Amino acid sequence: AFSFVEEYLGELHLPWRWFEIQDAIKKITNEELPDFYNMCLERPKDDPDGYDVLYIEAAFMGSFASRMSHSCTPNCQAVVMSSGGKLTVAMYTLRQIAEGEELTFDYSSVTESEKEFK
């Protein structure tokens, strides 16, 4: 239990840039975007570098961790860590994992899309 699995990697965007990209893609495709590989990362309020929000886009520059499935009863968790002013998201197991068992975590997701919600 509590074994390191992998870092959740991806391209980082400030909020204004993230929404600019999302709006451009929506305009081109006339569809809402799936947020399956995206994660919002909040720098802790007590971090010496101050509070901040970043979006991680893992669709193209991701790792195994960004492809893990959602579960309401997950066997892994995402842990935000800060070291020397740099943030990272690391996946850790919550319990012993059986051989061949799928690794999952709770996305704790929020969506504006009624279609995606259902």
C-alpha atoms as a PDB file:
ATOM      1  CA  ALA A   1       0.000   0.000   0.000  1.00  0.00           C
ATOM      2  CA  PHE A   2       1.020   3.618  -0.617  1.00  0.00           C
ATOM      3  CA  SER A   3       3.481   2.638  -3.338  1.00  0.00           C
ATOM      4  CA  PHE A   4       4.443   5.162  -6.017  1.00  0.00           C
ATOM      5  CA  VAL A   5       2.871   4.315  -9.392  1.00  0.00           C
ATOM      6  CA  GLU A   6       3.844   7.170 -11.727  1.00  0.00           C
ATOM      7  CA  GLU A   7       3.740  10.933 -12.242  1.00  0.00           C
ATOM      8  CA  TYR A   8       0.746  12.395 -14.058  1.00  0.00           C
ATOM      9  CA  LEU A   9       2.492  14.165 -16.935  1.00  0.00           C
ATOM     10  CA  GLY A  10       1.214  16.601 -19.527  1.00  0.00           C
ATOM     11  CA  GLU A  11       1.478  20.043 -21.041  1.00  0.00           C
ATOM     12  CA  LEU A  12       0.851  22.864 -18.533  1.00  0.00           C
ATOM     13  CA  HIS A  13      -1.391  25.845 -19.335  1.00  0.00           C
ATOM     14  CA  LEU A  14      -2.372  28.935 -17.371  1.00  0.00           C
ATOM     15  CA  PRO A  15      -6.178  29.269 -17.103  1.00  0.00           C
ATOM     16  CA  TRP A  16      -6.492  32.032 -19.706  1.00  0.00           C
ATOM     17  CA  ARG A  17      -4.527  29.961 -22.253  1.00  0.00           C
ATOM     18  CA  TRP A  18      -6.408  26.768 -21.404  1.00  0.00           C
ATOM     19  CA  PHE A  19      -9.808  28.353 -22.064  1.00  0.00           C
ATOM     20  CA  GLU A  20      -8.522  30.106 -25.182  1.00  0.00           C
ATOM     21  CA  ILE A  21      -7.490  26.715 -26.627  1.00  0.00           C
ATOM     22  CA  GLN A  22     -10.799  25.118 -25.597  1.00  0.00           C
ATOM     23  CA  ASP A  23     -12.818  27.927 -27.193  1.00  0.00           C
ATOM     24  CA  ALA A  24     -10.829  27.714 -30.441  1.00  0.00           C
ATOM     25  CA  ILE A  25     -11.356  23.952 -30.719  1.00  0.00           C
ATOM     26  CA  LYS A  26     -15.079  24.279 -29.953  1.00  0.00           C
ATOM     27  CA  LYS A  27     -15.379  26.950 -32.657  1.00  0.00           C
ATOM     28  CA  ILE A  28     -13.662  24.741 -35.252  1.00  0.00           C
ATOM     29  CA  THR A  29     -15.491  21.501 -34.387  1.00  0.00           C
ATOM     30  CA  ASN A  30     -18.855  22.920 -33.220  1.00  0.00           C
ATOM     31  CA  GLU A  31     -18.756  20.334 -30.427  1.00  0.00           C
ATOM     32  CA  GLU A  32     -17.979  20.306 -26.746  1.00  0.00           C
ATOM     33  CA  LEU A  33     -14.603  18.888 -25.876  1.00  0.00           C
ATOM     34  CA  PRO A  34     -14.143  15.773 -23.802  1.00  0.00           C
ATOM     35  CA  ASP A  35     -12.032  16.487 -20.733  1.00  0.00           C
ATOM     36  CA  PHE A  36     -10.842  12.933 -20.260  1.00  0.00           C
ATOM     37  CA  TYR A  37      -7.115  13.677 -19.964  1.00  0.00           C
ATOM     38  CA  ASN A  38      -7.250  17.074 -18.286  1.00  0.00           C
ATOM     39  CA  MET A  39      -6.524  17.895 -14.695  1.00  0.00           C
ATOM     40  CA  CYS A  40      -6.753  21.182 -12.816  1.00  0.00           C
ATOM     41  CA  LEU A  41      -3.790  21.629 -10.507  1.00  0.00           C
ATOM     42  CA  GLU A  42      -3.985  24.058  -7.590  1.00  0.00           C
ATOM     43  CA  ARG A  43      -0.829  25.256  -5.887  1.00  0.00           C
ATOM     44  CA  PRO A  44      -1.463  25.053  -2.112  1.00  0.00           C
ATOM     45  CA  LYS A  45      -2.266  28.391  -0.455  1.00  0.00           C
ATOM     46  CA  ASP A  46       0.654  27.968   1.968  1.00  0.00           C
ATOM     47  CA  ASP A  47       3.188  27.360  -0.836  1.00  0.00           C
ATOM     48  CA  PRO A  48       6.064  29.881  -0.665  1.00  0.00           C
ATOM     49  CA  ASP A  49       5.474  30.768  -4.349  1.00  0.00           C
ATOM     50  CA  GLY A  50       1.834  31.644  -3.658  1.00  0.00           C
ATOM     51  CA  TYR A  51      -1.505  30.316  -4.817  1.00  0.00           C
ATOM     52  CA  ASP A  52      -1.944  29.516  -8.494  1.00  0.00           C
ATOM     53  CA  VAL A  53      -4.002  27.301 -10.821  1.00  0.00           C
ATOM     54  CA  LEU A  54      -2.676  25.384 -13.817  1.00  0.00           C
ATOM     55  CA  TYR A  55      -4.324  22.986 -16.248  1.00  0.00           C
ATOM     56  CA  ILE A  56      -2.560  19.776 -17.221  1.00  0.00           C
ATOM     57  CA  GLU A  57      -3.377  18.578 -20.755  1.00  0.00           C
ATOM     58  CA  ALA A  58      -2.262  14.978 -20.975  1.00  0.00           C
ATOM     59  CA  ALA A  59      -3.903  13.972 -24.273  1.00  0.00           C
ATOM     60  CA  PHE A  60      -0.686  14.181 -26.293  1.00  0.00           C
ATOM     61  CA  MET A  61       2.148  14.463 -23.778  1.00  0.00           C
ATOM     62  CA  GLY A  62       0.776  12.191 -21.076  1.00  0.00           C
ATOM     63  CA  SER A  63       1.987   9.136 -19.249  1.00  0.00           C
ATOM     64  CA  PHE A  64       0.482   5.844 -18.125  1.00  0.00           C
ATOM     65  CA  ALA A  65      -1.049   7.655 -15.139  1.00  0.00           C
ATOM     66  CA  SER A  66      -3.125   9.898 -17.393  1.00  0.00           C
ATOM     67  CA  ARG A  67      -4.695   6.813 -18.961  1.00  0.00           C
ATOM     68  CA  MET A  68      -5.857   5.262 -15.696  1.00  0.00           C
ATOM     69  CA  SER A  69      -9.609   4.684 -15.465  1.00  0.00           C
ATOM     70  CA  HIS A  70     -12.041   6.313 -13.035  1.00  0.00           C
ATOM     71  CA  SER A  71     -13.555   4.425 -10.134  1.00  0.00           C
ATOM     72  CA  CYS A  72     -15.776   5.504  -7.255  1.00  0.00           C
ATOM     73  CA  THR A  73     -13.856   2.889  -5.233  1.00  0.00           C
ATOM     74  CA  PRO A  74     -10.330   3.490  -6.552  1.00  0.00           C
ATOM     75  CA  ASN A  75      -7.177   1.605  -5.669  1.00  0.00           C
ATOM     76  CA  CYS A  76      -4.924   4.638  -6.338  1.00  0.00           C
ATOM     77  CA  GLN A  77      -4.986   8.348  -5.573  1.00  0.00           C
ATOM     78  CA  ALA A  78      -3.519  11.492  -7.107  1.00  0.00           C
ATOM     79  CA  VAL A  79      -1.281  13.412  -4.698  1.00  0.00           C
ATOM     80  CA  VAL A  80      -0.219  17.005  -5.426  1.00  0.00           C
ATOM     81  CA  MET A  81       3.332  17.611  -4.271  1.00  0.00           C
ATOM     82  CA  SER A  82       5.433  20.778  -4.177  1.00  0.00           C
ATOM     83  CA  SER A  83       9.209  20.833  -3.998  1.00  0.00           C
ATOM     84  CA  GLY A  84      11.387  23.859  -4.605  1.00  0.00           C
ATOM     85  CA  GLY A  85       8.471  25.781  -6.112  1.00  0.00           C
ATOM     86  CA  LYS A  86       7.712  23.039  -8.655  1.00  0.00           C
ATOM     87  CA  LEU A  87       4.408  21.190  -8.566  1.00  0.00           C
ATOM     88  CA  THR A  88       3.836  17.617  -9.584  1.00  0.00           C
ATOM     89  CA  VAL A  89       0.971  15.149  -9.401  1.00  0.00           C
ATOM     90  CA  ALA A  90       1.991  11.667  -8.352  1.00  0.00           C
ATOM     91  CA  MET A  91      -0.143   8.524  -8.322  1.00  0.00           C
ATOM     92  CA  TYR A  92       0.086   6.275  -5.286  1.00  0.00           C
ATOM     93  CA  THR A  93      -1.684   3.036  -4.454  1.00  0.00           C
ATOM     94  CA  LEU A  94      -4.230   3.101  -1.623  1.00  0.00           C
ATOM     95  CA  ARG A  95      -3.934  -0.596  -0.845  1.00  0.00           C
ATOM     96  CA  GLN A  96      -2.250  -3.772  -1.998  1.00  0.00           C
ATOM     97  CA  ILE A  97      -2.899  -4.339  -5.720  1.00  0.00           C
ATOM     98  CA  ALA A  98      -3.493  -7.855  -7.010  1.00  0.00           C
ATOM     99  CA  GLU A  99      -1.603  -9.029 -10.086  1.00  0.00           C
ATOM    100  CA  GLY A 100      -3.581  -8.134 -13.213  1.00  0.00           C
ATOM    101  CA  GLU A 101      -5.878  -5.711 -11.334  1.00  0.00           C
ATOM    102  CA  GLU A 102      -6.675  -2.489 -13.189  1.00  0.00           C
ATOM    103  CA  LEU A 103      -5.260   0.663 -11.593  1.00  0.00           C
ATOM    104  CA  THR A 104      -7.936   3.321 -11.048  1.00  0.00           C
ATOM    105  CA  PHE A 105      -8.401   6.666  -9.330  1.00  0.00           C
ATOM    106  CA  ASP A 106     -11.343   8.947  -8.547  1.00  0.00           C
ATOM    107  CA  TYR A 107     -11.394  11.716 -11.161  1.00  0.00           C
ATOM    108  CA  SER A 108     -13.490  13.968  -8.881  1.00  0.00           C
ATOM    109  CA  SER A 109     -14.543  15.498 -12.169  1.00  0.00           C
ATOM    110  CA  VAL A 110     -16.782  18.437 -12.893  1.00  0.00           C
ATOM    111  CA  THR A 111     -18.311  18.969 -16.314  1.00  0.00           C
ATOM    112  CA  GLU A 112     -20.459  21.589 -17.990  1.00  0.00           C
ATOM    113  CA  SER A 113     -21.644  19.018 -20.533  1.00  0.00           C
ATOM    114  CA  GLU A 114     -24.995  17.359 -19.861  1.00  0.00           C
ATOM    115  CA  LYS A 115     -24.093  14.721 -22.481  1.00  0.00           C
ATOM    116  CA  GLU A 116     -20.800  13.891 -20.759  1.00  0.00           C
ATOM    117  CA  PHE A 117     -22.467  13.838 -17.323  1.00  0.00           C
ATOM    118  CA  LYS A 118     -25.012  11.217 -18.420  1.00  0.00           C
END
